């Protein structure tokens, strides 16, 4: 299996393994959008750089991210969520799933926290809503 596809699936599961399909697609889309943004200085220029710079599950090596990397899942529902994450990653890489337009996603609570730490919401526009998340892009 392609290493980048697997890395993307690890990230999707690590960030959104417990979320619904649309949220998994949103997470994967933000990765693809950041890679293709031409903003390598901000996001990184490769999947690995983008993952390390902007995704909590990867940079903090979360429990769910560790499960994805190891392939050891605690139960059947986690295995199913992994398979769904892998399918989303595959669809995004192959082009059978069209990425949504967002480059950032925050719950309302996370958005308030991001404002406090200096995220410049005046430089982005809201691109939609997926579940509990508002999505934004340049």
Foldseek 3Di string as FASTA:
>chain_A
DDPLLLLLLLLLQLQALPHDLLSSLQRSLLLVCLCPVPPCVQQNNDSVSNSCRDGCCVVVVDPRSVCSVVVPDPDDSSVVSSVSSSVSSVCPVVVVDDHQNFNDKDAPVRVVVCVVVPDDPVVWDFRQDDVRITGIDD
